[in-house]
Amino acid sequence: MFLNMTILVALLLAALWTVMTRSLLRCAIGLAFTSALVAVAMFRLNSPVAAVFELSVCAGLISVLFISTITLTQPITREEMTEYVKERVKRFWYLPFIVVAAGIGLSLLHIQINLTLPAPEAQTNVRSMMWNVRQLDLLGQVIILLTGVFGIIVLFKEAEKK
């Protein structure tokens, strides 16, 4: 119980640091750390397959894509940023009012949703589940990882040309 609470507190702190930091690179690293902590929590909750996917795709591939994109982009000046923010505020000034009105409207609705989950299978061996039951998921994950790797290679090739 103490370990679970420690993981959850660390997860909360990592998520807050990710959202509150001003550096995009630190934000991407914080996202990877947050995803890794989510994977640890999933392992602790006896969901090893979900934890493996979370760790490999979210903490691995997505973070690598974010970090490589951040390093390939040019930083903008403070004046450009303030001009961009002013223009966005002019264009979307009404959105907070719509979100508040939608939140109030949804809180007044009383809809009963009865969701039932199927009974979990008694599959305890992750290796046999991944190779015998979830081959299509494994193939999809491999395709996603290879797509990310090839995308990064193409980005770096274009950056070398410029």
N, C-alpha and C. Protein backbone atom coordinates (compact mmCIF):
# COMPACT_ATOMS: atom_id res chain seq x y z
N MET A 1 0.83 -1.20 0.00
CA MET A 1 0.00 0.00 0.00
C MET A 1 0.87 1.26 0.00
N PHE A 2 1.94 1.24 0.80
CA PHE A 2 2.84 2.40 0.87
C PHE A 2 3.53 2.61 -0.47
N LEU A 3 3.93 1.52 -1.13
CA LEU A 3 4.58 1.64 -2.43
C LEU A 3 3.63 2.21 -3.48
N ASN A 4 2.38 1.77 -3.46
CA ASN A 4 1.39 2.31 -4.40
C ASN A 4 1.18 3.80 -4.19
N MET A 5 1.07 4.21 -2.94
CA MET A 5 0.89 5.64 -2.65
C MET A 5 2.12 6.44 -3.06
N THR A 6 3.29 5.89 -2.86
CA THR A 6 4.52 6.57 -3.27
C THR A 6 4.56 6.74 -4.79
N ILE A 7 4.17 5.70 -5.51
CA ILE A 7 4.13 5.78 -6.97
C ILE A 7 3.13 6.82 -7.42
N LEU A 8 1.96 6.85 -6.79
CA LEU A 8 0.93 7.83 -7.17
C LEU A 8 1.36 9.27 -6.87
N VAL A 9 2.02 9.48 -5.73
CA VAL A 9 2.50 10.83 -5.40
C VAL A 9 3.59 11.24 -6.39
N ALA A 10 4.50 10.31 -6.70
CA ALA A 10 5.54 10.62 -7.69
C ALA A 10 4.92 10.89 -9.06
N LEU A 11 3.88 10.14 -9.41
CA LEU A 11 3.18 10.37 -10.67
C LEU A 11 2.54 11.74 -10.70
N LEU A 12 1.91 12.12 -9.63
CA LEU A 12 1.29 13.45 -9.54
C LEU A 12 2.34 14.56 -9.65
N LEU A 13 3.44 14.40 -8.94
CA LEU A 13 4.50 15.42 -8.99
C LEU A 13 5.13 15.50 -10.38
N ALA A 14 5.34 14.36 -11.01
CA ALA A 14 5.92 14.36 -12.37
C ALA A 14 4.96 15.01 -13.36
N ALA A 15 3.67 14.71 -13.23
CA ALA A 15 2.69 15.31 -14.14
C ALA A 15 2.61 16.82 -13.93
N LEU A 16 2.62 17.26 -12.68
CA LEU A 16 2.59 18.70 -12.41
C LEU A 16 3.84 19.39 -12.95
N TRP A 17 5.00 18.76 -12.75
CA TRP A 17 6.23 19.36 -13.26
C TRP A 17 6.19 19.43 -14.78
N THR A 18 5.65 18.41 -15.42
CA THR A 18 5.55 18.39 -16.88
C THR A 18 4.68 19.53 -17.38
N VAL A 19 3.58 19.76 -16.71
CA VAL A 19 2.65 20.79 -17.16
C VAL A 19 3.16 22.19 -16.82
N MET A 20 3.85 22.33 -15.71
CA MET A 20 4.23 23.66 -15.24
C MET A 20 5.57 24.16 -15.77
N THR A 21 6.40 23.29 -16.30
CA THR A 21 7.71 23.74 -16.77
C THR A 21 7.57 24.56 -18.05
N ARG A 22 8.48 25.49 -18.24
CA ARG A 22 8.40 26.38 -19.40
C ARG A 22 9.22 25.87 -20.57
N SER A 23 10.14 24.98 -20.34
CA SER A 23 10.99 24.46 -21.41
C SER A 23 10.30 23.27 -22.08
N LEU A 24 10.21 23.30 -23.40
CA LEU A 24 9.58 22.19 -24.12
C LEU A 24 10.37 20.90 -23.98
N LEU A 25 11.68 21.01 -23.96
CA LEU A 25 12.51 19.82 -23.81
C LEU A 25 12.29 19.17 -22.45
N ARG A 26 12.25 19.98 -21.40
CA ARG A 26 11.97 19.44 -20.07
C ARG A 26 10.56 18.86 -19.99
N CYS A 27 9.64 19.49 -20.70
CA CYS A 27 8.26 19.00 -20.74
C CYS A 27 8.20 17.61 -21.39
N ALA A 28 8.93 17.40 -22.47
CA ALA A 28 8.96 16.10 -23.13
C ALA A 28 9.61 15.04 -22.24
N ILE A 29 10.67 15.42 -21.54
CA ILE A 29 11.32 14.49 -20.62
C ILE A 29 10.38 14.18 -19.45
N GLY A 30 9.67 15.17 -18.96
CA GLY A 30 8.70 14.93 -17.89
C GLY A 30 7.56 14.03 -18.34
N LEU A 31 7.14 14.18 -19.59
CA LEU A 31 6.11 13.30 -20.13
C LEU A 31 6.59 11.85 -20.18
N ALA A 32 7.84 11.66 -20.57
CA ALA A 32 8.40 10.31 -20.59
C ALA A 32 8.46 9.73 -19.18
N PHE A 33 8.88 10.53 -18.22
CA PHE A 33 8.94 10.07 -16.84
C PHE A 33 7.55 9.77 -16.28
N THR A 34 6.59 10.61 -16.61
CA THR A 34 5.21 10.37 -16.18
C THR A 34 4.67 9.08 -16.79
N SER A 35 4.93 8.85 -18.06
CA SER A 35 4.47 7.61 -18.70
C SER A 35 5.16 6.39 -18.09
N ALA A 36 6.42 6.53 -17.74
CA ALA A 36 7.12 5.41 -17.10
C ALA A 36 6.50 5.10 -15.74
N LEU A 37 6.12 6.13 -15.00
CA LEU A 37 5.46 5.90 -13.70
C LEU A 37 4.07 5.29 -13.87
N VAL A 38 3.36 5.69 -14.92
CA VAL A 38 2.06 5.07 -15.22
C VAL A 38 2.26 3.58 -15.52
N ALA A 39 3.32 3.26 -16.26
CA ALA A 39 3.61 1.85 -16.56
C ALA A 39 3.93 1.07 -15.29
N VAL A 40 4.67 1.67 -14.38
CA VAL A 40 4.95 1.00 -13.10
C VAL A 40 3.65 0.76 -12.33
N ALA A 41 2.78 1.76 -12.32
CA ALA A 41 1.49 1.59 -11.64
C ALA A 41 0.66 0.49 -12.28
N MET A 42 0.71 0.39 -13.61
CA MET A 42 -0.03 -0.67 -14.30
C MET A 42 0.54 -2.05 -13.96
N PHE A 43 1.86 -2.15 -13.86
CA PHE A 43 2.46 -3.41 -13.43
C PHE A 43 2.00 -3.78 -12.03
N ARG A 44 1.95 -2.78 -11.16
CA ARG A 44 1.51 -3.04 -9.77
C ARG A 44 0.03 -3.45 -9.72
N LEU A 45 -0.75 -3.02 -10.71
CA LEU A 45 -2.17 -3.36 -10.75
C LEU A 45 -2.43 -4.63 -11.57
N ASN A 46 -1.38 -5.41 -11.83
CA ASN A 46 -1.47 -6.68 -12.55
C ASN A 46 -2.01 -6.51 -13.97
N SER A 47 -1.53 -5.48 -14.65
CA SER A 47 -1.85 -5.28 -16.06
C SER A 47 -0.54 -5.18 -16.85
N PRO A 48 0.16 -6.29 -16.97
CA PRO A 48 1.50 -6.20 -17.58
C PRO A 48 1.48 -5.86 -19.06
N VAL A 49 0.47 -6.32 -19.78
CA VAL A 49 0.43 -6.03 -21.22
C VAL A 49 0.21 -4.54 -21.45
N ALA A 50 -0.73 -3.95 -20.72
CA ALA A 50 -0.96 -2.51 -20.85
C ALA A 50 0.28 -1.73 -20.42
N ALA A 51 0.96 -2.21 -19.40
CA ALA A 51 2.17 -1.53 -18.93
C ALA A 51 3.28 -1.59 -19.97
N VAL A 52 3.43 -2.72 -20.65
CA VAL A 52 4.45 -2.84 -21.68
C VAL A 52 4.16 -1.89 -22.83
N PHE A 53 2.90 -1.82 -23.25
CA PHE A 53 2.55 -0.90 -24.33
C PHE A 53 2.75 0.55 -23.89
N GLU A 54 2.37 0.89 -22.69
CA GLU A 54 2.55 2.25 -22.17
C GLU A 54 4.03 2.62 -22.14
N LEU A 55 4.85 1.69 -21.67
CA LEU A 55 6.27 1.97 -21.55
C LEU A 55 6.94 2.10 -22.91
N SER A 56 6.60 1.21 -23.84
CA SER A 56 7.29 1.23 -25.12
C SER A 56 6.79 2.34 -26.04
N VAL A 57 5.48 2.54 -26.10
CA VAL A 57 4.95 3.53 -27.03
C VAL A 57 4.97 4.93 -26.41
N CYS A 58 4.36 5.10 -25.26
CA CYS A 58 4.25 6.46 -24.68
C CYS A 58 5.57 6.97 -24.12
N ALA A 59 6.20 6.17 -23.26
CA ALA A 59 7.45 6.63 -22.66
C ALA A 59 8.62 6.55 -23.65
N GLY A 60 8.51 5.66 -24.63
CA GLY A 60 9.61 5.49 -25.57
C GLY A 60 9.42 6.27 -26.85
N LEU A 61 8.55 5.78 -27.70
CA LEU A 61 8.41 6.34 -29.05
C LEU A 61 7.93 7.78 -29.04
N ILE A 62 6.87 8.07 -28.33
CA ILE A 62 6.31 9.42 -28.33
C ILE A 62 7.32 10.43 -27.79
N SER A 63 8.02 10.06 -26.74
CA SER A 63 9.02 10.98 -26.17
C SER A 63 10.16 11.22 -27.13
N VAL A 64 10.61 10.17 -27.83
CA VAL A 64 11.67 10.34 -28.82
C VAL A 64 11.21 11.25 -29.95
N LEU A 65 9.97 11.07 -30.40
CA LEU A 65 9.44 11.94 -31.45
C LEU A 65 9.37 13.39 -30.99
N PHE A 66 8.87 13.61 -29.77
CA PHE A 66 8.79 14.98 -29.24
C PHE A 66 10.17 15.61 -29.12
N ILE A 67 11.11 14.87 -28.54
CA ILE A 67 12.44 15.44 -28.32
C ILE A 67 13.13 15.73 -29.65
N SER A 68 13.01 14.83 -30.61
CA SER A 68 13.64 15.09 -31.91
C SER A 68 12.97 16.26 -32.62
N THR A 69 11.67 16.39 -32.50
CA THR A 69 10.98 17.53 -33.12
C THR A 69 11.39 18.84 -32.46
N ILE A 70 11.50 18.83 -31.15
CA ILE A 70 11.90 20.05 -30.43
C ILE A 70 13.31 20.47 -30.83
N THR A 71 14.21 19.51 -30.98
CA THR A 71 15.58 19.87 -31.34
C THR A 71 15.70 20.32 -32.79
N LEU A 72 14.76 19.93 -33.66
CA LEU A 72 14.82 20.33 -35.06
C LEU A 72 14.15 21.67 -35.35
N THR A 73 13.33 22.15 -34.45
CA THR A 73 12.61 23.40 -34.70
C THR A 73 13.42 24.60 -34.23
N GLN A 74 13.13 25.74 -34.83
CA GLN A 74 13.80 26.98 -34.48
C GLN A 74 13.01 27.68 -33.38
N PRO A 75 13.68 28.17 -32.34
CA PRO A 75 12.94 28.90 -31.30
C PRO A 75 12.45 30.25 -31.81
N ILE A 76 11.32 30.69 -31.29
CA ILE A 76 10.79 31.98 -31.69
C ILE A 76 11.15 33.02 -30.63
N THR A 77 11.15 34.26 -31.05
CA THR A 77 11.51 35.34 -30.13
C THR A 77 10.33 35.66 -29.23
N ARG A 78 10.62 36.41 -28.18
CA ARG A 78 9.58 36.79 -27.22
C ARG A 78 8.53 37.68 -27.88
N GLU A 79 8.95 38.56 -28.79
CA GLU A 79 8.01 39.43 -29.47
C GLU A 79 7.07 38.63 -30.37
N GLU A 80 7.62 37.65 -31.07
CA GLU A 80 6.78 36.80 -31.91
C GLU A 80 5.77 36.02 -31.07
N MET A 81 6.21 35.57 -29.90
CA MET A 81 5.32 34.82 -29.03
C MET A 81 4.19 35.70 -28.49
N THR A 82 4.50 36.91 -28.07
CA THR A 82 3.44 37.79 -27.56
C THR A 82 2.46 38.15 -28.66
N GLU A 83 2.95 38.38 -29.88
CA GLU A 83 2.06 38.67 -31.01
C GLU A 83 1.16 37.48 -31.31
N TYR A 84 1.72 36.29 -31.25
CA TYR A 84 0.96 35.07 -31.49
C TYR A 84 -0.13 34.87 -30.43
N VAL A 85 0.22 35.12 -29.17
CA VAL A 85 -0.75 34.98 -28.09
C VAL A 85 -1.86 36.01 -28.22
N LYS A 86 -1.52 37.24 -28.55
CA LYS A 86 -2.55 38.27 -28.73
C LYS A 86 -3.51 37.91 -29.86
N GLU A 87 -2.97 37.40 -30.95
CA GLU A 87 -3.81 37.02 -32.08
C GLU A 87 -4.74 35.86 -31.71
N ARG A 88 -4.23 34.90 -30.94
CA ARG A 88 -5.06 33.77 -30.53
C ARG A 88 -6.15 34.20 -29.55
N VAL A 89 -5.83 35.11 -28.66
CA VAL A 89 -6.84 35.61 -27.72
C VAL A 89 -7.94 36.34 -28.47
N LYS A 90 -7.58 37.12 -29.50
CA LYS A 90 -8.58 37.80 -30.30
C LYS A 90 -9.49 36.81 -31.02
N ARG A 91 -8.90 35.73 -31.53
CA ARG A 91 -9.68 34.77 -32.31
C ARG A 91 -10.56 33.89 -31.45
N PHE A 92 -10.08 33.53 -30.26
CA PHE A 92 -10.79 32.51 -29.47
C PHE A 92 -11.21 33.04 -28.10
N TRP A 93 -11.62 34.28 -27.98
CA TRP A 93 -12.01 34.86 -26.70
C TRP A 93 -13.25 34.20 -26.11
N TYR A 94 -14.09 33.64 -26.94
CA TYR A 94 -15.36 33.08 -26.51
C TYR A 94 -15.26 31.63 -26.01
N LEU A 95 -14.16 30.95 -26.25
CA LEU A 95 -14.05 29.53 -25.89
C LEU A 95 -14.19 29.25 -24.39
N PRO A 96 -13.60 30.04 -23.49
CA PRO A 96 -13.82 29.75 -22.06
C PRO A 96 -15.29 29.80 -21.65
N PHE A 97 -16.04 30.71 -22.25
CA PHE A 97 -17.47 30.80 -21.92
C PHE A 97 -18.22 29.56 -22.41
N ILE A 98 -17.85 29.06 -23.58
CA ILE A 98 -18.48 27.84 -24.11
C ILE A 98 -18.15 26.64 -23.23
N VAL A 99 -16.90 26.53 -22.78
CA VAL A 99 -16.50 25.41 -21.93
C VAL A 99 -17.25 25.45 -20.59
N VAL A 100 -17.37 26.64 -20.00
CA VAL A 100 -18.09 26.76 -18.73
C VAL A 100 -19.57 26.43 -18.92
N ALA A 101 -20.17 26.94 -19.99
CA ALA A 101 -21.59 26.65 -20.25
C ALA A 101 -21.80 25.16 -20.51
N ALA A 102 -20.90 24.53 -21.25
CA ALA A 102 -21.02 23.08 -21.50
C ALA A 102 -20.84 22.30 -20.20
N GLY A 103 -19.93 22.72 -19.35
CA GLY A 103 -19.73 22.05 -18.07
C GLY A 103 -20.96 22.16 -17.18
N ILE A 104 -21.55 23.34 -17.13
CA ILE A 104 -22.77 23.53 -16.34
C ILE A 104 -23.90 22.70 -16.92
N GLY A 105 -24.04 22.70 -18.24
CA GLY A 105 -25.09 21.92 -18.89
C GLY A 105 -24.93 20.42 -18.65
N LEU A 106 -23.70 19.94 -18.75
CA LEU A 106 -23.47 18.51 -18.51
C LEU A 106 -23.65 18.13 -17.05
N SER A 107 -23.36 19.06 -16.14
CA SER A 107 -23.54 18.74 -14.72
C SER A 107 -25.03 18.69 -14.34
N LEU A 108 -25.88 19.38 -15.11
CA LEU A 108 -27.31 19.35 -14.83
C LEU A 108 -27.98 18.10 -15.39
N LEU A 109 -27.37 17.46 -16.37
CA LEU A 109 -27.93 16.24 -16.93
C LEU A 109 -27.68 15.06 -16.00
N HIS A 110 -28.66 14.21 -15.85
CA HIS A 110 -28.51 13.02 -15.01
C HIS A 110 -28.74 11.79 -15.89
N ILE A 111 -27.68 11.38 -16.55
CA ILE A 111 -27.77 10.24 -17.45
C ILE A 111 -27.15 9.03 -16.76
N GLN A 112 -27.88 7.94 -16.76
CA GLN A 112 -27.39 6.69 -16.19
C GLN A 112 -26.72 5.88 -17.28
N ILE A 113 -25.45 5.63 -17.12
CA ILE A 113 -24.71 4.81 -18.07
C ILE A 113 -24.29 3.54 -17.35
N ASN A 114 -24.71 2.42 -17.87
CA ASN A 114 -24.39 1.15 -17.24
C ASN A 114 -23.38 0.42 -18.12
N LEU A 115 -22.12 0.54 -17.77
CA LEU A 115 -21.07 -0.13 -18.51
C LEU A 115 -20.65 -1.39 -17.77
N THR A 116 -20.61 -2.50 -18.48
CA THR A 116 -20.15 -3.74 -17.87
C THR A 116 -18.95 -4.24 -18.66
N LEU A 117 -17.95 -4.65 -17.94
CA LEU A 117 -16.75 -5.17 -18.56
C LEU A 117 -16.80 -6.69 -18.56
N PRO A 118 -16.23 -7.32 -19.58
CA PRO A 118 -16.18 -8.78 -19.57
C PRO A 118 -15.24 -9.27 -18.48
N ALA A 119 -15.46 -10.49 -18.06
CA ALA A 119 -14.61 -11.07 -17.03
C ALA A 119 -13.18 -11.22 -17.56
N PRO A 120 -12.20 -10.89 -16.74
CA PRO A 120 -10.81 -11.00 -17.21
C PRO A 120 -10.41 -12.46 -17.37
N GLU A 121 -9.54 -12.69 -18.35
CA GLU A 121 -9.05 -14.04 -18.56
C GLU A 121 -7.97 -14.34 -17.54
N ALA A 122 -7.84 -15.59 -17.21
CA ALA A 122 -6.84 -16.00 -16.22
C ALA A 122 -5.52 -16.28 -16.91
N GLN A 123 -5.00 -15.30 -17.61
CA GLN A 123 -3.74 -15.43 -18.34
C GLN A 123 -2.66 -14.79 -17.49
N THR A 124 -1.76 -15.56 -16.96
CA THR A 124 -0.74 -15.02 -16.06
C THR A 124 0.62 -14.89 -16.73
N ASN A 125 0.84 -15.62 -17.79
CA ASN A 125 2.13 -15.58 -18.46
C ASN A 125 2.09 -14.55 -19.59
N VAL A 126 2.81 -13.48 -19.42
CA VAL A 126 2.79 -12.40 -20.41
C VAL A 126 3.38 -12.88 -21.73
N ARG A 127 4.42 -13.66 -21.66
CA ARG A 127 5.07 -14.13 -22.88
C ARG A 127 4.11 -14.93 -23.75
N SER A 128 3.39 -15.87 -23.15
CA SER A 128 2.46 -16.67 -23.95
C SER A 128 1.28 -15.83 -24.44
N MET A 129 0.86 -14.86 -23.62
CA MET A 129 -0.25 -14.01 -24.06
C MET A 129 0.17 -13.15 -25.25
N MET A 130 1.36 -12.56 -25.20
CA MET A 130 1.81 -11.70 -26.29
C MET A 130 2.02 -12.48 -27.58
N TRP A 131 2.60 -13.67 -27.51
CA TRP A 131 2.94 -14.41 -28.72
C TRP A 131 1.83 -15.31 -29.22
N ASN A 132 0.90 -15.71 -28.34
CA ASN A 132 -0.14 -16.65 -28.75
C ASN A 132 -1.52 -16.01 -28.88
N VAL A 133 -1.82 -15.02 -28.07
CA VAL A 133 -3.17 -14.45 -28.04
C VAL A 133 -3.21 -13.08 -28.72
N ARG A 134 -2.19 -12.26 -28.51
CA ARG A 134 -2.22 -10.86 -28.94
C ARG A 134 -1.22 -10.58 -30.07
N GLN A 135 -1.15 -11.47 -31.07
CA GLN A 135 -0.19 -11.28 -32.15
C GLN A 135 -0.48 -10.01 -32.95
N LEU A 136 -1.74 -9.73 -33.20
CA LEU A 136 -2.09 -8.55 -33.99
C LEU A 136 -1.71 -7.27 -33.26
N ASP A 137 -1.89 -7.22 -31.94
CA ASP A 137 -1.47 -6.06 -31.17
C ASP A 137 0.04 -5.89 -31.23
N LEU A 138 0.76 -6.99 -31.14
CA LEU A 138 2.21 -6.95 -31.20
C LEU A 138 2.68 -6.46 -32.57
N LEU A 139 2.04 -6.94 -33.63
CA LEU A 139 2.38 -6.49 -34.98
C LEU A 139 2.09 -4.99 -35.13
N GLY A 140 0.97 -4.54 -34.61
CA GLY A 140 0.64 -3.11 -34.67
C GLY A 140 1.66 -2.27 -33.93
N GLN A 141 2.11 -2.73 -32.78
CA GLN A 141 3.10 -1.98 -32.03
C GLN A 141 4.44 -1.93 -32.77
N VAL A 142 4.83 -3.02 -33.39
CA VAL A 142 6.07 -3.03 -34.17
C VAL A 142 5.96 -2.06 -35.34
N ILE A 143 4.82 -2.05 -36.01
CA ILE A 143 4.63 -1.12 -37.13
C ILE A 143 4.69 0.33 -36.66
N ILE A 144 4.07 0.62 -35.52
CA ILE A 144 4.11 1.99 -34.98
C ILE A 144 5.53 2.38 -34.62
N LEU A 145 6.28 1.49 -33.98
CA LEU A 145 7.66 1.80 -33.62
C LEU A 145 8.52 2.02 -34.86
N LEU A 146 8.37 1.17 -35.87
CA LEU A 146 9.16 1.34 -37.10
C LEU A 146 8.78 2.62 -37.83
N THR A 147 7.50 2.98 -37.83
CA THR A 147 7.07 4.23 -38.44
C THR A 147 7.72 5.42 -37.75
N GLY A 148 7.76 5.38 -36.43
CA GLY A 148 8.40 6.45 -35.68
C GLY A 148 9.89 6.55 -35.98
N VAL A 149 10.55 5.40 -36.06
CA VAL A 149 11.99 5.40 -36.35
C VAL A 149 12.25 5.95 -37.75
N PHE A 150 11.47 5.49 -38.74
CA PHE A 150 11.66 5.99 -40.10
C PHE A 150 11.31 7.47 -40.19
N GLY A 151 10.31 7.92 -39.45
CA GLY A 151 9.97 9.35 -39.44
C GLY A 151 11.10 10.19 -38.89
N ILE A 152 11.75 9.72 -37.84
CA ILE A 152 12.89 10.45 -37.26
C ILE A 152 14.05 10.48 -38.24
N ILE A 153 14.29 9.35 -38.92
CA ILE A 153 15.37 9.32 -39.91
C ILE A 153 15.11 10.33 -41.02
N VAL A 154 13.86 10.40 -41.49
CA VAL A 154 13.53 11.36 -42.54
C VAL A 154 13.69 12.79 -42.04
N LEU A 155 13.28 13.07 -40.80
CA LEU A 155 13.44 14.41 -40.25
C LEU A 155 14.91 14.80 -40.17
N PHE A 156 15.76 13.90 -39.74
CA PHE A 156 17.18 14.22 -39.63
C PHE A 156 17.83 14.35 -41.01
N LYS A 157 17.38 13.58 -41.98
CA LYS A 157 17.91 13.72 -43.34
C LYS A 157 17.55 15.09 -43.91
N GLU A 158 16.32 15.54 -43.68
CA GLU A 158 15.91 16.86 -44.18
C GLU A 158 16.63 17.97 -43.45
N ALA A 159 16.89 17.77 -42.15
CA ALA A 159 17.62 18.79 -41.39
C ALA A 159 19.07 18.90 -41.88
N GLU A 160 19.66 17.78 -42.30
CA GLU A 160 21.03 17.82 -42.83
C GLU A 160 21.07 18.56 -44.17
N LYS A 161 20.04 18.40 -44.99
CA LYS A 161 20.01 19.06 -46.28
C LYS A 161 19.92 20.58 -46.12
N LYS A 162 19.19 21.03 -45.12
CA LYS A 162 19.04 22.48 -44.90
C LYS A 162 20.29 23.02 -44.26
